[in-house]
């Protein structure tokens, strides 16, 4: 992939090298974990299907806002997938034509990297917290099966670590004077 140029406000152009293969793989792994790994099972629950859940507790939880909550979580996961890909694609450097009011402008690198690192840190801290909570109180008294962590923990680790790796590469590639 050739170097990409970023327009600067002072009419100069910065050359940005393409991301290394490992950073592209990390970005795609994170995006896939966020979308293919997270969204399908949460969409099933958002539609009211108590997969791997106590049906009675699920129905009660769902009736008081569980469905909309899960739809919002799925939307946020989709945004996190786009965030991960933006760290390895040209549209993470310059807004594409179809973005109203921003088309052709440089993407603020600090905002993008700070967001990516913050989301990654949140995902990793949440994963550790959830694992500790689940292993400390492993029982079937909750809404969802405690065995869901067997699926969730690796998926969240791939998501968070991949995002951090891709953000690190992006920050280095786009640094002034790189």
N, C-alpha and C. Protein backbone atom coordinates (compact mmCIF):
# COMPACT_ATOMS: atom_id res chain seq x y z
N UNK A 1 0.85 -1.16 0.00
CA UNK A 1 0.00 0.00 0.00
C UNK A 1 0.90 1.23 0.00
N UNK A 2 0.63 2.20 -0.85
CA UNK A 2 1.46 3.39 -0.93
C UNK A 2 1.23 4.31 0.26
N UNK A 3 2.17 5.24 0.44
CA UNK A 3 2.00 6.23 1.50
C UNK A 3 0.79 7.08 1.19
N UNK A 4 0.21 7.61 2.21
CA UNK A 4 -0.99 8.42 2.08
C UNK A 4 -0.65 9.83 2.52
N UNK A 5 -1.24 10.82 1.86
CA UNK A 5 -0.97 12.20 2.24
C UNK A 5 -2.14 12.77 3.02
N UNK A 6 -1.81 13.53 4.05
CA UNK A 6 -2.82 14.18 4.88
C UNK A 6 -2.73 15.68 4.66
N UNK A 7 -3.83 16.31 4.27
CA UNK A 7 -3.79 17.77 4.13
C UNK A 7 -3.66 18.41 5.52
N UNK A 8 -2.86 19.43 5.61
CA UNK A 8 -2.67 20.17 6.86
C UNK A 8 -3.26 21.57 6.69
N UNK A 9 -3.70 22.19 7.80
CA UNK A 9 -4.32 23.52 7.70
C UNK A 9 -3.43 24.56 7.05
N UNK A 10 -2.13 24.47 7.22
CA UNK A 10 -1.23 25.48 6.67
C UNK A 10 -0.82 25.15 5.23
N UNK A 11 -1.64 24.36 4.53
CA UNK A 11 -1.44 24.00 3.13
C UNK A 11 -0.20 23.15 2.88
N UNK A 12 0.33 22.53 3.91
CA UNK A 12 1.41 21.57 3.72
C UNK A 12 0.79 20.18 3.74
N UNK A 13 1.52 19.21 3.28
CA UNK A 13 1.03 17.85 3.21
C UNK A 13 1.98 16.95 3.98
N UNK A 14 1.42 16.09 4.83
CA UNK A 14 2.23 15.14 5.59
C UNK A 14 2.12 13.77 4.94
N UNK A 15 3.23 13.10 4.81
CA UNK A 15 3.25 11.73 4.29
C UNK A 15 3.08 10.76 5.46
N UNK A 16 2.18 9.84 5.30
CA UNK A 16 1.95 8.83 6.34
C UNK A 16 2.20 7.47 5.72
N UNK A 17 3.13 6.71 6.32
CA UNK A 17 3.39 5.38 5.77
C UNK A 17 2.19 4.46 6.00
N UNK A 18 2.06 3.44 5.18
CA UNK A 18 0.96 2.49 5.39
C UNK A 18 1.17 1.72 6.69
N UNK A 19 0.10 1.20 7.24
CA UNK A 19 0.25 0.44 8.48
C UNK A 19 0.96 -0.89 8.22
N UNK A 20 1.75 -1.35 9.18
CA UNK A 20 2.38 -2.67 9.01
C UNK A 20 1.31 -3.76 9.03
N UNK A 21 1.64 -4.89 8.46
CA UNK A 21 0.69 -6.01 8.35
C UNK A 21 0.14 -6.41 9.72
N UNK A 22 0.98 -6.43 10.75
CA UNK A 22 0.52 -6.83 12.09
C UNK A 22 -0.52 -5.86 12.64
N UNK A 23 -0.39 -4.58 12.32
CA UNK A 23 -1.35 -3.59 12.80
C UNK A 23 -2.68 -3.73 12.06
N UNK A 24 -2.61 -4.04 10.77
CA UNK A 24 -3.84 -4.25 9.99
C UNK A 24 -4.56 -5.49 10.53
N UNK A 25 -3.82 -6.55 10.80
CA UNK A 25 -4.44 -7.77 11.37
C UNK A 25 -5.07 -7.49 12.72
N UNK A 26 -4.38 -6.71 13.56
CA UNK A 26 -4.92 -6.38 14.88
C UNK A 26 -6.20 -5.56 14.74
N UNK A 27 -6.21 -4.60 13.82
CA UNK A 27 -7.40 -3.77 13.60
C UNK A 27 -8.57 -4.62 13.13
N UNK A 28 -8.33 -5.51 12.18
CA UNK A 28 -9.40 -6.36 11.68
C UNK A 28 -9.86 -7.37 12.72
N UNK A 29 -8.94 -7.92 13.50
CA UNK A 29 -9.33 -8.85 14.57
C UNK A 29 -10.22 -8.14 15.59
N UNK A 30 -9.85 -6.91 15.94
CA UNK A 30 -10.64 -6.13 16.88
C UNK A 30 -12.02 -5.83 16.30
N UNK A 31 -12.05 -5.40 15.06
CA UNK A 31 -13.33 -5.07 14.41
C UNK A 31 -14.23 -6.30 14.29
N UNK A 32 -13.64 -7.44 13.94
CA UNK A 32 -14.43 -8.67 13.84
C UNK A 32 -14.95 -9.12 15.19
N UNK A 33 -14.12 -8.98 16.22
CA UNK A 33 -14.55 -9.34 17.56
C UNK A 33 -15.71 -8.45 18.01
N UNK A 34 -15.61 -7.16 17.69
CA UNK A 34 -16.66 -6.22 18.07
C UNK A 34 -17.96 -6.48 17.32
N UNK A 35 -17.86 -6.87 16.07
CA UNK A 35 -19.07 -7.03 15.26
C UNK A 35 -19.53 -8.49 15.20
N UNK A 36 -18.73 -9.36 14.65
CA UNK A 36 -19.12 -10.77 14.49
C UNK A 36 -19.14 -11.50 15.83
N UNK A 37 -18.26 -11.10 16.75
CA UNK A 37 -18.20 -11.76 18.04
C UNK A 37 -19.24 -11.27 19.04
N UNK A 38 -19.51 -9.99 19.04
CA UNK A 38 -20.37 -9.39 20.06
C UNK A 38 -21.82 -9.23 19.60
N UNK A 39 -22.01 -8.65 18.43
CA UNK A 39 -23.35 -8.24 18.01
C UNK A 39 -24.33 -9.41 17.82
N UNK A 40 -23.98 -10.52 17.18
CA UNK A 40 -25.00 -11.55 16.96
C UNK A 40 -25.67 -12.07 18.24
N UNK A 41 -24.90 -12.42 19.25
CA UNK A 41 -25.52 -12.96 20.47
C UNK A 41 -26.32 -11.87 21.20
N UNK A 42 -25.83 -10.64 21.18
CA UNK A 42 -26.57 -9.56 21.82
C UNK A 42 -27.83 -9.19 21.02
N UNK A 43 -27.77 -9.34 19.69
CA UNK A 43 -28.96 -9.10 18.87
C UNK A 43 -30.03 -10.14 19.15
N UNK A 44 -29.60 -11.39 19.35
CA UNK A 44 -30.56 -12.45 19.71
C UNK A 44 -31.28 -12.08 21.00
N UNK A 45 -30.52 -11.65 22.00
CA UNK A 45 -31.12 -11.23 23.26
C UNK A 45 -31.98 -9.99 23.07
N UNK A 46 -31.50 -9.03 22.27
CA UNK A 46 -32.25 -7.79 22.03
C UNK A 46 -33.60 -8.08 21.38
N UNK A 47 -33.67 -9.16 20.63
CA UNK A 47 -34.93 -9.54 19.98
C UNK A 47 -35.85 -10.33 20.92
N UNK A 48 -35.38 -10.52 22.16
CA UNK A 48 -36.22 -11.18 23.16
C UNK A 48 -36.05 -12.67 23.26
N UNK A 49 -35.02 -13.22 22.67
CA UNK A 49 -34.78 -14.67 22.70
C UNK A 49 -33.82 -14.97 23.85
N UNK A 50 -34.26 -15.74 24.87
CA UNK A 50 -33.44 -15.98 26.06
C UNK A 50 -32.38 -17.08 25.88
N UNK A 51 -31.55 -16.95 24.88
CA UNK A 51 -30.47 -17.91 24.63
C UNK A 51 -29.49 -17.88 25.80
N UNK A 52 -29.16 -19.04 26.36
CA UNK A 52 -28.23 -19.16 27.50
C UNK A 52 -28.66 -18.29 28.67
N UNK A 53 -29.97 -18.20 28.91
CA UNK A 53 -30.48 -17.36 29.98
C UNK A 53 -31.62 -18.08 30.71
N UNK A 54 -31.84 -17.67 31.94
CA UNK A 54 -32.99 -18.12 32.70
C UNK A 54 -34.20 -17.41 32.11
N UNK A 55 -35.13 -18.17 31.53
CA UNK A 55 -36.22 -17.57 30.77
C UNK A 55 -37.07 -16.61 31.59
N UNK A 56 -37.41 -16.96 32.81
CA UNK A 56 -38.25 -16.09 33.64
C UNK A 56 -37.54 -14.80 33.99
N UNK A 57 -36.30 -14.89 34.44
CA UNK A 57 -35.54 -13.68 34.80
C UNK A 57 -35.26 -12.83 33.57
N UNK A 58 -35.01 -13.50 32.45
CA UNK A 58 -34.75 -12.76 31.21
C UNK A 58 -35.98 -11.97 30.80
N UNK A 59 -37.14 -12.61 30.83
CA UNK A 59 -38.38 -11.92 30.41
C UNK A 59 -38.64 -10.70 31.29
N UNK A 60 -38.42 -10.84 32.60
CA UNK A 60 -38.62 -9.71 33.52
C UNK A 60 -37.63 -8.58 33.22
N UNK A 61 -36.38 -8.93 33.03
CA UNK A 61 -35.34 -7.94 32.72
C UNK A 61 -35.61 -7.27 31.38
N UNK A 62 -36.00 -8.07 30.41
CA UNK A 62 -36.29 -7.58 29.07
C UNK A 62 -37.46 -6.58 29.11
N UNK A 63 -38.46 -6.87 29.93
CA UNK A 63 -39.66 -6.03 30.00
C UNK A 63 -39.38 -4.64 30.57
N UNK A 64 -38.31 -4.51 31.35
CA UNK A 64 -38.00 -3.21 31.95
C UNK A 64 -36.86 -2.50 31.23
N UNK A 65 -36.64 -2.82 29.95
CA UNK A 65 -35.67 -2.08 29.16
C UNK A 65 -34.46 -2.85 28.69
N UNK A 66 -34.45 -4.15 28.89
CA UNK A 66 -33.30 -4.96 28.45
C UNK A 66 -33.09 -4.93 26.95
N UNK A 67 -34.18 -4.94 26.18
CA UNK A 67 -34.07 -4.94 24.72
C UNK A 67 -33.40 -3.68 24.18
N UNK A 68 -33.93 -2.50 24.50
CA UNK A 68 -33.27 -1.27 24.03
C UNK A 68 -31.82 -1.15 24.49
N UNK A 69 -31.56 -1.56 25.72
CA UNK A 69 -30.19 -1.54 26.25
C UNK A 69 -29.26 -2.38 25.36
N UNK A 70 -29.72 -3.56 24.97
CA UNK A 70 -28.90 -4.44 24.13
C UNK A 70 -28.74 -3.89 22.71
N UNK A 71 -29.76 -3.23 22.19
CA UNK A 71 -29.64 -2.60 20.88
C UNK A 71 -28.60 -1.46 20.92
N UNK A 72 -28.62 -0.69 22.01
CA UNK A 72 -27.62 0.38 22.16
C UNK A 72 -26.22 -0.21 22.26
N UNK A 73 -26.07 -1.26 23.06
CA UNK A 73 -24.76 -1.92 23.17
C UNK A 73 -24.28 -2.42 21.81
N UNK A 74 -25.17 -2.99 21.02
CA UNK A 74 -24.79 -3.48 19.70
C UNK A 74 -24.38 -2.33 18.79
N UNK A 75 -25.08 -1.20 18.87
CA UNK A 75 -24.69 -0.02 18.10
C UNK A 75 -23.32 0.49 18.50
N UNK A 76 -23.05 0.50 19.79
CA UNK A 76 -21.73 0.91 20.27
C UNK A 76 -20.64 -0.06 19.80
N UNK A 77 -20.96 -1.34 19.77
CA UNK A 77 -20.00 -2.32 19.27
C UNK A 77 -19.70 -2.09 17.79
N UNK A 78 -20.73 -1.74 17.03
CA UNK A 78 -20.52 -1.42 15.61
C UNK A 78 -19.61 -0.21 15.47
N UNK A 79 -19.83 0.82 16.27
CA UNK A 79 -18.96 1.99 16.25
C UNK A 79 -17.53 1.63 16.64
N UNK A 80 -17.38 0.74 17.60
CA UNK A 80 -16.04 0.30 18.00
C UNK A 80 -15.35 -0.46 16.87
N UNK A 81 -16.12 -1.21 16.09
CA UNK A 81 -15.55 -1.89 14.92
C UNK A 81 -15.07 -0.90 13.88
N UNK A 82 -15.86 0.15 13.64
CA UNK A 82 -15.46 1.20 12.70
C UNK A 82 -14.22 1.92 13.23
N UNK A 83 -14.19 2.19 14.52
CA UNK A 83 -13.02 2.82 15.14
C UNK A 83 -11.76 1.98 14.90
N UNK A 84 -11.86 0.68 15.12
CA UNK A 84 -10.70 -0.20 14.91
C UNK A 84 -10.22 -0.16 13.47
N UNK A 85 -11.15 -0.23 12.52
CA UNK A 85 -10.76 -0.21 11.11
C UNK A 85 -10.19 1.13 10.69
N UNK A 86 -10.67 2.22 11.30
CA UNK A 86 -10.17 3.54 10.93
C UNK A 86 -8.69 3.70 11.26
N UNK A 87 -8.18 2.88 12.16
CA UNK A 87 -6.77 2.95 12.53
C UNK A 87 -5.86 2.32 11.47
N UNK A 88 -6.45 1.61 10.54
CA UNK A 88 -5.65 0.92 9.51
C UNK A 88 -6.08 1.26 8.08
N UNK A 89 -7.08 2.09 7.92
CA UNK A 89 -7.61 2.43 6.60
C UNK A 89 -7.37 3.92 6.31
N UNK A 90 -7.32 4.31 5.04
CA UNK A 90 -7.11 5.72 4.69
C UNK A 90 -8.16 6.66 5.28
N UNK A 91 -9.40 6.20 5.45
CA UNK A 91 -10.43 7.07 6.00
C UNK A 91 -10.24 7.33 7.49
N UNK A 92 -9.21 6.76 8.08
CA UNK A 92 -8.82 7.14 9.43
C UNK A 92 -7.83 8.29 9.43
N UNK A 93 -7.40 8.68 8.24
CA UNK A 93 -6.47 9.81 8.09
C UNK A 93 -7.18 11.04 7.55
N UNK A 94 -8.05 10.83 6.56
CA UNK A 94 -8.80 11.92 5.93
C UNK A 94 -10.25 11.47 5.83
N UNK A 95 -11.16 12.34 6.26
CA UNK A 95 -12.59 12.00 6.18
C UNK A 95 -12.98 11.76 4.73
N UNK A 96 -13.74 10.69 4.47
CA UNK A 96 -14.17 10.40 3.09
C UNK A 96 -15.18 11.43 2.57
N UNK A 97 -15.40 11.40 1.26
CA UNK A 97 -16.30 12.34 0.59
C UNK A 97 -17.70 12.34 1.15
N UNK A 98 -18.18 11.21 1.59
CA UNK A 98 -19.56 11.10 2.01
C UNK A 98 -19.82 11.61 3.44
N UNK A 99 -18.80 12.10 4.14
CA UNK A 99 -19.00 12.64 5.49
C UNK A 99 -19.33 14.13 5.39
N UNK A 100 -20.55 14.49 5.72
CA UNK A 100 -20.97 15.90 5.59
C UNK A 100 -20.09 16.84 6.42
N UNK A 101 -19.76 17.96 5.86
CA UNK A 101 -19.01 19.05 6.48
C UNK A 101 -17.54 18.75 6.79
N UNK A 102 -17.15 17.49 6.78
CA UNK A 102 -15.77 17.14 7.11
C UNK A 102 -15.00 16.52 5.94
N UNK A 103 -15.68 16.22 4.87
CA UNK A 103 -15.07 15.53 3.72
C UNK A 103 -13.77 16.21 3.30
N UNK A 104 -12.72 15.40 3.17
CA UNK A 104 -11.43 15.89 2.70
C UNK A 104 -10.54 16.48 3.79
N UNK A 105 -11.07 16.66 4.97
CA UNK A 105 -10.27 17.22 6.07
C UNK A 105 -9.53 16.10 6.80
N UNK A 106 -8.44 16.47 7.42
CA UNK A 106 -7.66 15.50 8.20
C UNK A 106 -8.43 15.10 9.45
N UNK A 107 -8.38 13.82 9.76
CA UNK A 107 -8.96 13.31 11.00
C UNK A 107 -8.03 13.71 12.14
N UNK A 108 -8.53 14.28 13.21
CA UNK A 108 -7.65 14.66 14.32
C UNK A 108 -7.01 13.43 14.96
N UNK A 109 -5.71 13.28 14.76
CA UNK A 109 -5.02 12.07 15.21
C UNK A 109 -5.09 11.87 16.71
N UNK A 110 -4.99 12.92 17.48
CA UNK A 110 -5.03 12.78 18.95
C UNK A 110 -6.41 12.33 19.41
N UNK A 111 -7.44 12.85 18.80
CA UNK A 111 -8.80 12.44 19.16
C UNK A 111 -9.01 10.97 18.84
N UNK A 112 -8.57 10.56 17.67
CA UNK A 112 -8.74 9.17 17.26
C UNK A 112 -7.94 8.23 18.16
N UNK A 113 -6.68 8.55 18.42
CA UNK A 113 -5.87 7.65 19.26
C UNK A 113 -6.35 7.67 20.70
N UNK A 114 -6.72 8.84 21.23
CA UNK A 114 -7.21 8.88 22.61
C UNK A 114 -8.49 8.06 22.76
N UNK A 115 -9.37 8.17 21.78
CA UNK A 115 -10.61 7.39 21.81
C UNK A 115 -10.30 5.90 21.75
N UNK A 116 -9.42 5.51 20.85
CA UNK A 116 -9.08 4.09 20.71
C UNK A 116 -8.43 3.54 21.98
N UNK A 117 -7.49 4.27 22.55
CA UNK A 117 -6.86 3.81 23.78
C UNK A 117 -7.85 3.77 24.95
N UNK A 118 -8.75 4.75 25.02
CA UNK A 118 -9.75 4.77 26.09
C UNK A 118 -10.71 3.59 25.97
N UNK A 119 -11.19 3.32 24.76
CA UNK A 119 -12.09 2.19 24.55
C UNK A 119 -11.37 0.88 24.86
N UNK A 120 -10.13 0.77 24.42
CA UNK A 120 -9.35 -0.44 24.70
C UNK A 120 -9.16 -0.64 26.20
N UNK A 121 -8.81 0.42 26.91
CA UNK A 121 -8.62 0.32 28.36
C UNK A 121 -9.92 -0.08 29.04
N UNK A 122 -11.03 0.54 28.62
CA UNK A 122 -12.32 0.19 29.20
C UNK A 122 -12.64 -1.29 28.97
N UNK A 123 -12.46 -1.75 27.74
CA UNK A 123 -12.76 -3.15 27.42
C UNK A 123 -11.93 -4.11 28.25
N UNK A 124 -10.64 -3.80 28.39
CA UNK A 124 -9.75 -4.70 29.14
C UNK A 124 -10.06 -4.65 30.64
N UNK A 125 -10.33 -3.47 31.17
CA UNK A 125 -10.69 -3.38 32.59
C UNK A 125 -12.03 -4.06 32.86
N UNK A 126 -12.98 -3.86 31.97
CA UNK A 126 -14.27 -4.53 32.12
C UNK A 126 -14.10 -6.04 32.06
N UNK A 127 -13.25 -6.53 31.19
CA UNK A 127 -13.03 -7.97 31.06
C UNK A 127 -12.47 -8.54 32.36
N UNK A 128 -11.48 -7.86 32.92
CA UNK A 128 -10.89 -8.33 34.18
C UNK A 128 -11.94 -8.30 35.29
N UNK A 129 -12.68 -7.18 35.38
CA UNK A 129 -13.73 -7.06 36.40
C UNK A 129 -14.78 -8.17 36.24
N UNK A 130 -15.26 -8.38 35.03
CA UNK A 130 -16.29 -9.39 34.79
C UNK A 130 -15.78 -10.79 35.12
N UNK A 131 -14.54 -11.07 34.75
CA UNK A 131 -13.97 -12.40 35.04
C UNK A 131 -13.86 -12.62 36.54
N UNK A 132 -13.37 -11.62 37.25
CA UNK A 132 -13.23 -11.74 38.71
C UNK A 132 -14.60 -11.93 39.35
N UNK A 133 -15.57 -11.11 38.94
CA UNK A 133 -16.92 -11.23 39.48
C UNK A 133 -17.52 -12.61 39.22
N UNK A 134 -17.36 -13.07 38.01
CA UNK A 134 -17.97 -14.34 37.63
C UNK A 134 -17.31 -15.51 38.34
N UNK A 135 -16.00 -15.49 38.44
CA UNK A 135 -15.31 -16.61 39.08
C UNK A 135 -15.49 -16.57 40.59
N UNK A 136 -15.67 -15.38 41.15
CA UNK A 136 -15.87 -15.27 42.59
C UNK A 136 -17.28 -15.73 42.97
N UNK A 137 -18.24 -15.46 42.12
CA UNK A 137 -19.64 -15.78 42.41
C UNK A 137 -20.24 -16.65 41.31
N UNK A 138 -19.53 -17.69 40.91
CA UNK A 138 -19.99 -18.56 39.83
C UNK A 138 -21.22 -19.33 40.29
N UNK A 139 -22.40 -18.90 39.81
CA UNK A 139 -23.63 -19.60 40.14
C UNK A 139 -24.67 -19.35 39.05
N UNK A 140 -25.72 -20.10 39.12
CA UNK A 140 -26.78 -19.99 38.12
C UNK A 140 -27.94 -19.10 38.58
N UNK A 141 -27.69 -18.20 39.54
CA UNK A 141 -28.76 -17.36 40.06
C UNK A 141 -28.99 -16.10 39.23
N UNK A 142 -28.13 -15.80 38.27
CA UNK A 142 -28.28 -14.59 37.46
C UNK A 142 -29.21 -14.81 36.28
N UNK A 143 -29.30 -13.78 35.46
CA UNK A 143 -30.14 -13.86 34.27
C UNK A 143 -29.50 -14.78 33.24
N UNK A 144 -28.21 -14.58 32.99
CA UNK A 144 -27.50 -15.33 31.96
C UNK A 144 -26.65 -16.43 32.59
N UNK A 145 -26.42 -17.48 31.83
CA UNK A 145 -25.61 -18.59 32.30
C UNK A 145 -24.21 -18.09 32.65
N UNK A 146 -23.66 -18.53 33.78
CA UNK A 146 -22.31 -18.11 34.12
C UNK A 146 -21.27 -18.62 33.12
N UNK A 147 -21.63 -19.60 32.33
CA UNK A 147 -20.70 -20.15 31.33
C UNK A 147 -20.49 -19.22 30.14
N UNK A 148 -21.28 -18.15 30.05
CA UNK A 148 -21.13 -17.20 28.95
C UNK A 148 -19.76 -16.53 28.99
N UNK A 149 -19.11 -16.52 30.17
CA UNK A 149 -17.78 -15.91 30.26
C UNK A 149 -16.75 -16.70 29.46
N UNK A 150 -16.99 -17.98 29.26
CA UNK A 150 -16.08 -18.79 28.45
C UNK A 150 -16.03 -18.25 27.02
N UNK A 151 -17.14 -17.72 26.57
CA UNK A 151 -17.21 -17.09 25.26
C UNK A 151 -16.77 -15.63 25.33
N UNK A 152 -17.24 -14.92 26.34
CA UNK A 152 -17.05 -13.48 26.41
C UNK A 152 -15.63 -13.02 26.69
N UNK A 153 -14.95 -13.68 27.60
CA UNK A 153 -13.61 -13.21 27.99
C UNK A 153 -12.63 -13.24 26.81
N UNK A 154 -12.48 -14.35 26.10
CA UNK A 154 -11.55 -14.31 24.96
C UNK A 154 -11.96 -13.30 23.89
N UNK A 155 -13.25 -13.18 23.66
CA UNK A 155 -13.75 -12.25 22.65
C UNK A 155 -13.42 -10.81 23.04
N UNK A 156 -13.62 -10.45 24.29
CA UNK A 156 -13.30 -9.11 24.76
C UNK A 156 -11.80 -8.85 24.78
N UNK A 157 -11.01 -9.88 25.08
CA UNK A 157 -9.55 -9.71 25.06
C UNK A 157 -9.05 -9.42 23.65
N UNK A 158 -9.55 -10.17 22.67
CA UNK A 158 -9.16 -9.92 21.27
C UNK A 158 -9.57 -8.51 20.87
N UNK A 159 -10.76 -8.11 21.22
CA UNK A 159 -11.29 -6.80 20.90
C UNK A 159 -10.41 -5.70 21.50
N UNK A 160 -10.15 -5.76 22.79
CA UNK A 160 -9.39 -4.72 23.48
C UNK A 160 -7.92 -4.69 23.11
N UNK A 161 -7.28 -5.86 23.05
CA UNK A 161 -5.85 -5.91 22.73
C UNK A 161 -5.62 -5.51 21.27
N UNK A 162 -6.46 -6.01 20.37
CA UNK A 162 -6.33 -5.64 18.95
C UNK A 162 -6.48 -4.14 18.74
N UNK A 163 -7.42 -3.54 19.45
CA UNK A 163 -7.64 -2.10 19.34
C UNK A 163 -6.42 -1.33 19.85
N UNK A 164 -5.84 -1.77 20.96
CA UNK A 164 -4.65 -1.10 21.51
C UNK A 164 -3.46 -1.21 20.56
N UNK A 165 -3.27 -2.38 19.97
CA UNK A 165 -2.16 -2.58 19.03
C UNK A 165 -2.32 -1.69 17.80
N UNK A 166 -3.53 -1.67 17.25
CA UNK A 166 -3.79 -0.85 16.06
C UNK A 166 -3.63 0.64 16.40
N UNK A 167 -4.08 1.06 17.58
CA UNK A 167 -3.95 2.47 17.99
C UNK A 167 -2.48 2.84 18.17
N UNK A 168 -1.70 1.94 18.72
CA UNK A 168 -0.26 2.20 18.90
C UNK A 168 0.41 2.41 17.53
N UNK A 169 0.10 1.57 16.59
CA UNK A 169 0.67 1.69 15.24
C UNK A 169 0.23 3.01 14.60
N UNK A 170 -1.05 3.32 14.71
CA UNK A 170 -1.59 4.56 14.12
C UNK A 170 -0.89 5.77 14.72
N UNK A 171 -0.75 5.79 16.04
CA UNK A 171 -0.11 6.92 16.71
C UNK A 171 1.33 7.10 16.22
N UNK A 172 2.06 6.01 16.09
CA UNK A 172 3.45 6.10 15.62
C UNK A 172 3.53 6.54 14.17
N UNK A 173 2.66 6.00 13.30
CA UNK A 173 2.69 6.33 11.88
C UNK A 173 2.32 7.77 11.60
N UNK A 174 1.40 8.30 12.40
CA UNK A 174 0.89 9.64 12.13
C UNK A 174 1.56 10.73 12.96
N UNK A 175 2.52 10.36 13.77
CA UNK A 175 3.22 11.35 14.61
C UNK A 175 3.92 12.38 13.74
N UNK A 176 3.86 13.64 14.13
CA UNK A 176 4.57 14.68 13.36
C UNK A 176 6.07 14.36 13.31
N UNK A 177 6.64 14.51 12.13
CA UNK A 177 8.06 14.23 11.94
C UNK A 177 8.40 12.75 11.85
N UNK A 178 7.41 11.90 11.69
CA UNK A 178 7.68 10.46 11.59
C UNK A 178 8.43 10.14 10.32
